[in-house]
Amino acid sequence: MIIIATLQSAKDKYARRMAGAAAAYNAAKPRMSSNYAAGVARFLGSPPAAHIVAAYSAGINAATYRGGDPDKWARNYQAKMTQG
């Protein structure tokens, strides 16, 4: 088990993870779009309409990742650790 020495070092680690999460999200966009139709077809038993797939893909491509706020995370983490 790794113990974070200070709240600041934990906050810095969180900020680094958020930066990596944005890159991972952007890299996953093509997979999200390509897997959508297959997932809907498995769920419904038939493929979705082409216009629905196109709208979903357009939404995924237009989306931007908004990571968490390291300051908010630090406040919530500190509150959780001190309040039990």
Protein backbone atom coordinates (compact mmCIF):
# COMPACT_ATOMS: atom_id res chain seq x y z
CA MET A 1 0.00 0.00 0.00
CA ILE A 2 1.35 3.41 -0.96
CA ILE A 3 0.79 6.23 1.50
CA ILE A 4 0.77 9.79 0.19
CA ALA A 5 3.07 11.92 2.35
CA THR A 6 1.21 15.21 2.09
CA LEU A 7 -2.05 16.55 0.84
CA GLN A 8 -0.15 18.66 -1.70
CA SER A 9 1.60 15.62 -3.17
CA ALA A 10 -1.77 13.83 -3.41
CA LYS A 11 -3.26 16.87 -5.12
CA ASP A 12 -0.36 16.96 -7.58
CA LYS A 13 -0.83 13.27 -8.34
CA TYR A 14 -4.54 13.85 -8.96
CA ALA A 15 -3.73 16.71 -11.37
CA ARG A 16 -1.29 14.46 -13.28
CA ARG A 17 -3.92 11.72 -13.54
CA MET A 18 -6.47 14.18 -14.89
CA ALA A 19 -4.03 15.22 -17.62
CA GLY A 20 -3.57 11.57 -18.59
CA ALA A 21 -7.31 10.95 -18.44
CA ALA A 22 -7.95 13.66 -21.03
CA ALA A 23 -5.47 12.07 -23.43
CA ALA A 24 -7.00 8.62 -22.85
CA TYR A 25 -10.50 9.96 -23.44
CA ASN A 26 -9.50 11.58 -26.72
CA ALA A 27 -7.73 8.40 -27.82
CA ALA A 28 -10.87 6.36 -27.04
CA LYS A 29 -13.25 8.51 -29.12
CA PRO A 30 -12.92 6.38 -32.29
CA ARG A 31 -13.57 3.20 -30.27
CA MET A 32 -16.62 4.76 -28.62
CA SER A 33 -18.09 5.65 -31.99
CA SER A 34 -17.31 2.32 -33.65
CA ASN A 35 -18.56 0.21 -30.73
CA TYR A 36 -21.83 2.11 -30.30
CA ALA A 37 -23.74 0.49 -33.15
CA ALA A 38 -22.61 -2.99 -32.16
CA GLY A 39 -23.62 -2.43 -28.55
CA VAL A 40 -27.06 -1.10 -29.45
CA ALA A 41 -27.61 -3.99 -31.85
CA ARG A 42 -26.77 -6.51 -29.11
CA PHE A 43 -29.09 -4.75 -26.68
CA LEU A 44 -32.05 -4.25 -29.01
CA GLY A 45 -31.54 -7.26 -31.23
CA SER A 46 -31.35 -5.14 -34.39
CA PRO A 47 -28.99 -2.44 -35.63
CA PRO A 48 -29.87 1.18 -34.87
CA ALA A 49 -30.89 3.59 -37.62
CA ALA A 50 -28.01 5.20 -39.50
CA HIS A 51 -29.04 8.72 -38.48
CA ILE A 52 -28.87 7.74 -34.80
CA VAL A 53 -25.37 6.32 -35.20
CA ALA A 54 -24.30 9.44 -37.10
CA ALA A 55 -25.69 11.74 -34.40
CA TYR A 56 -23.96 9.76 -31.65
CA SER A 57 -20.64 9.84 -33.50
CA ALA A 58 -20.96 13.58 -34.08
CA GLY A 59 -21.60 14.10 -30.38
CA ILE A 60 -18.58 12.03 -29.39
CA ASN A 61 -16.36 13.93 -31.81
CA ALA A 62 -17.61 17.30 -30.53
CA ALA A 63 -17.20 16.38 -26.87
CA THR A 64 -14.23 17.59 -24.84
CA TYR A 65 -12.97 16.01 -21.65
CA ARG A 66 -13.32 18.12 -18.54
CA GLY A 67 -11.19 16.72 -15.78
CA GLY A 68 -11.78 17.16 -12.11
CA ASP A 69 -10.64 20.16 -10.10
CA PRO A 70 -7.56 19.31 -7.98
CA ASP A 71 -8.49 21.94 -5.38
CA LYS A 72 -12.01 20.57 -4.98
CA TRP A 73 -10.63 17.04 -4.80
CA ALA A 74 -8.17 18.08 -2.07
CA ARG A 75 -10.93 19.71 0.00
CA ASN A 76 -13.19 16.65 -0.31
CA TYR A 77 -10.34 14.27 0.43
CA GLN A 78 -9.30 16.21 3.52
CA ALA A 79 -12.90 16.35 4.76
CA LYS A 80 -13.33 12.63 4.23
CA MET A 81 -10.12 11.77 6.07
CA THR A 82 -10.87 14.01 9.06
CA GLN A 83 -14.57 13.18 9.48
CA GLY A 84 -14.15 9.44 9.34
